[in-house]
Amino acid sequence: MKWTVASLAALLLTGPSYAEDAMHILTPDWEYVADRVMGGVSTGQIAAMGDGARAATRLTGTISLDNNGGFVQMAFDLREDGGVVDASAYTGVAITVRGNGEAYDLRLRTDQLTRPWQSFRTDFTAPAEWTTLRVPFDAFQSHKTDATFDPARLRRIGVLAIGRVFEAEVSVAEIALY
């Protein structure tokens, strides 16, 4: 069953009881952000794509460290108003990806974070074939914050190509809470 971001948020906020292994598929409205917002020169884009039966969103780009830059990302808010979703009934994030074999970051943001460089993050490798990765919440590490990740305060999810010079190509076909 597919949920819209709004309907998922409504369900999560009402606190229903689900089986522990239940997955709730998100339908993200991905947005593209690059280091250019802070003076960097990395370039990229996101685009909808399909390869027959599977639709996906693909992030591509050239990552440059010039001008203190170094990232391109696709990210989405869990609620249209930027508010939080209580994901404490879930274990983590499941993401179906493929790419060029490079390492990427999966990042979560909560309303605990006040600066754009703060996040809860982990990395993954985007294999050449579609693969579903299940990333438990406890795999995410605090970055530039003393806050401890609280899934009851989840606000935003992002996929980033970051931190080194390379060509990014990563596609996400599905993302869910599990």
Protein backbone atom coordinates (compact mmCIF):
# COMPACT_ATOMS: atom_id res chain seq x y z
CA MET A 1 0.00 0.00 0.00
CA LYS A 2 1.39 3.42 -0.95
CA TRP A 3 0.87 6.43 1.28
CA THR A 4 1.13 10.08 0.41
CA VAL A 5 3.38 12.12 2.64
CA ALA A 6 0.33 13.81 4.15
CA SER A 7 -1.60 10.58 4.81
CA LEU A 8 1.47 8.88 6.26
CA ALA A 9 2.05 11.82 8.55
CA ALA A 10 -1.58 11.72 9.69
CA LEU A 11 -1.38 7.99 10.39
CA LEU A 12 1.91 8.29 12.24
CA LEU A 13 0.66 11.17 14.34
CA THR A 14 -2.42 9.26 15.46
CA GLY A 15 -0.23 6.46 16.80
CA PRO A 16 -1.77 3.31 15.28
CA SER A 17 -0.35 -0.07 16.15
CA TYR A 18 1.38 -1.90 13.28
CA ALA A 19 3.25 -5.16 13.07
CA GLU A 20 6.92 -4.56 13.84
CA ASP A 21 8.02 -5.65 10.37
CA ALA A 22 5.44 -3.53 8.53
CA MET A 23 6.83 -1.11 5.97
CA HIS A 24 5.17 2.17 5.16
CA ILE A 25 6.25 3.41 1.78
CA LEU A 26 6.83 7.12 1.46
CA THR A 27 6.08 9.06 -1.71
CA PRO A 28 8.68 11.81 -1.46
CA ASP A 29 8.60 15.13 -3.23
CA TRP A 30 12.39 15.19 -3.70
CA GLU A 31 14.15 18.53 -3.94
CA TYR A 32 17.67 19.18 -5.19
CA VAL A 33 20.18 21.11 -3.08
CA ALA A 34 23.88 21.69 -3.77
CA ASP A 35 26.82 23.37 -2.09
CA ARG A 36 26.17 26.43 -4.30
CA VAL A 37 23.84 27.71 -1.57
CA MET A 38 27.04 28.38 0.42
CA GLY A 39 29.47 29.32 -2.36
CA GLY A 40 30.56 25.89 -3.60
CA VAL A 41 30.75 24.95 -7.26
CA SER A 42 29.43 21.38 -7.38
CA THR A 43 26.83 20.81 -10.10
CA GLY A 44 24.06 18.29 -10.43
CA GLN A 45 20.39 17.60 -10.82
CA ILE A 46 17.60 15.22 -9.94
CA ALA A 47 15.35 13.67 -12.54
CA ALA A 48 12.47 11.24 -12.62
CA MET A 49 13.37 8.07 -14.49
CA GLY A 50 11.93 4.70 -15.31
CA ASP A 51 13.31 1.46 -16.61
CA GLY A 52 10.18 -0.41 -17.51
CA ALA A 53 8.28 -1.44 -14.41
CA ARG A 54 10.27 0.62 -11.89
CA ALA A 55 10.04 4.38 -11.47
CA ALA A 56 12.78 6.18 -9.57
CA THR A 57 14.41 9.52 -8.89
CA ARG A 58 18.06 9.85 -9.91
CA LEU A 59 20.63 12.22 -8.43
CA THR A 60 23.58 12.97 -10.69
CA GLY A 61 26.36 15.48 -10.40
CA THR A 62 29.99 16.45 -10.27
CA ILE A 63 31.27 16.96 -6.74
CA SER A 64 33.93 19.64 -6.33
CA LEU A 65 35.73 20.69 -3.17
CA ASP A 66 36.52 24.15 -4.57
CA ASN A 67 35.30 27.18 -2.56
CA ASN A 68 34.79 24.96 0.52
CA GLY A 69 32.07 23.02 -1.31
CA GLY A 70 31.59 19.35 -1.77
CA PHE A 71 28.02 18.07 -2.04
CA VAL A 72 24.87 17.57 -4.06
CA GLN A 73 21.77 16.08 -2.51
CA MET A 74 18.17 15.10 -2.96
CA ALA A 75 16.01 15.39 0.12
CA PHE A 76 12.40 15.69 1.20
CA ASP A 77 10.38 16.81 4.19
CA LEU A 78 8.10 14.15 5.67
CA ARG A 79 5.32 16.71 6.04
CA GLU A 80 4.49 19.46 3.60
CA ASP A 81 4.56 22.03 6.39
CA GLY A 82 8.04 20.91 7.52
CA GLY A 83 6.68 19.56 10.79
CA VAL A 84 7.74 16.36 12.51
CA VAL A 85 6.52 12.81 12.16
CA ASP A 86 6.60 10.39 15.06
CA ALA A 87 8.48 7.41 13.60
CA SER A 88 9.19 5.82 16.98
CA ALA A 89 6.98 2.81 16.10
CA TYR A 90 9.49 1.90 13.37
CA THR A 91 12.98 0.41 13.39
CA GLY A 92 14.58 2.39 10.58
CA VAL A 93 14.60 3.41 6.92
CA ALA A 94 14.42 0.98 4.00
CA ILE A 95 15.72 2.38 0.72
CA THR A 96 15.77 0.70 -2.70
CA VAL A 97 18.76 2.08 -4.60
CA ARG A 98 21.14 1.51 -7.45
CA GLY A 99 24.05 3.53 -8.70
CA ASN A 100 27.63 3.64 -9.79
CA GLY A 101 29.25 1.76 -6.90
CA GLU A 102 30.18 4.94 -5.01
CA ALA A 103 29.50 5.68 -1.34
CA TYR A 104 26.68 8.09 -0.48
CA ASP A 105 25.24 9.46 2.73
CA LEU A 106 21.75 8.78 4.02
CA ARG A 107 20.79 11.60 6.39
CA LEU A 108 17.97 12.22 8.78
CA ARG A 109 17.01 15.53 10.29
CA THR A 110 14.81 16.18 13.28
CA ASP A 111 13.44 19.36 14.80
CA GLN A 112 16.26 19.04 17.36
CA LEU A 113 18.73 20.38 14.77
CA THR A 114 19.04 24.13 14.30
CA ARG A 115 21.92 24.42 11.80
CA PRO A 116 21.94 23.14 8.19
CA TRP A 117 25.22 21.26 8.70
CA GLN A 118 23.82 19.21 11.59
CA SER A 119 22.37 15.76 10.87
CA PHE A 120 22.14 12.14 11.81
CA ARG A 121 23.99 10.22 9.12
CA THR A 122 25.25 6.94 7.83
CA ASP A 123 26.74 5.92 4.52
CA PHE A 124 25.91 3.24 1.98
CA THR A 125 27.26 2.04 -1.34
CA ALA A 126 24.94 2.29 -4.33
CA PRO A 127 25.34 -1.03 -6.20
CA ALA A 128 24.82 -1.45 -9.96
CA GLU A 129 21.67 -3.57 -9.42
CA TRP A 130 18.56 -2.52 -7.55
CA THR A 131 19.04 -3.37 -3.88
CA THR A 132 16.89 -2.68 -0.84
CA LEU A 133 18.92 -1.60 2.16
CA ARG A 134 17.40 -1.68 5.64
CA VAL A 135 19.14 0.89 7.80
CA PRO A 136 18.17 0.79 11.48
CA PHE A 137 17.84 4.12 13.26
CA ASP A 138 20.69 3.17 15.60
CA ALA A 139 23.08 3.10 12.60
CA PHE A 140 22.77 6.88 12.23
CA GLN A 141 25.50 8.92 13.93
CA SER A 142 25.11 12.45 15.24
CA HIS A 143 27.09 14.98 13.18
CA LYS A 144 28.04 18.40 14.55
CA THR A 145 25.41 18.17 17.27
CA ASP A 146 25.24 16.86 20.82
CA ALA A 147 21.62 15.78 20.24
CA THR A 148 20.70 12.11 20.33
CA PHE A 149 18.51 10.93 17.48
CA ASP A 150 14.85 10.83 18.49
CA PRO A 151 12.65 9.09 15.89
CA ALA A 152 9.58 10.77 17.38
CA ARG A 153 10.94 14.06 15.99
CA LEU A 154 11.80 13.00 12.41
CA ARG A 155 11.40 15.79 9.86
CA ARG A 156 13.54 15.23 6.73
CA ILE A 157 15.38 12.47 4.83
CA GLY A 158 18.19 13.05 2.34
CA VAL A 159 20.60 11.21 0.05
CA LEU A 160 23.91 13.02 -0.51
CA ALA A 161 26.98 12.73 -2.66
CA ILE A 162 29.52 14.47 -0.46
CA GLY A 163 33.05 15.04 0.71
CA ARG A 164 35.30 14.09 -2.19
CA VAL A 165 35.74 14.78 -5.88
CA PHE A 166 33.69 12.28 -7.90
CA GLU A 167 30.81 11.79 -10.33
CA ALA A 168 27.56 11.05 -8.53
CA GLU A 169 24.88 8.77 -9.91
CA VAL A 170 22.43 7.24 -7.47
CA SER A 171 18.78 6.36 -8.03
CA VAL A 172 16.10 5.76 -5.40
CA ALA A 173 13.09 3.70 -6.42
CA GLU A 174 11.50 3.38 -3.00
CA ILE A 175 11.97 4.67 0.50
CA ALA A 176 10.00 3.52 3.52
CA LEU A 177 9.89 3.35 7.28
CA TYR A 178 10.13 -0.21 8.55
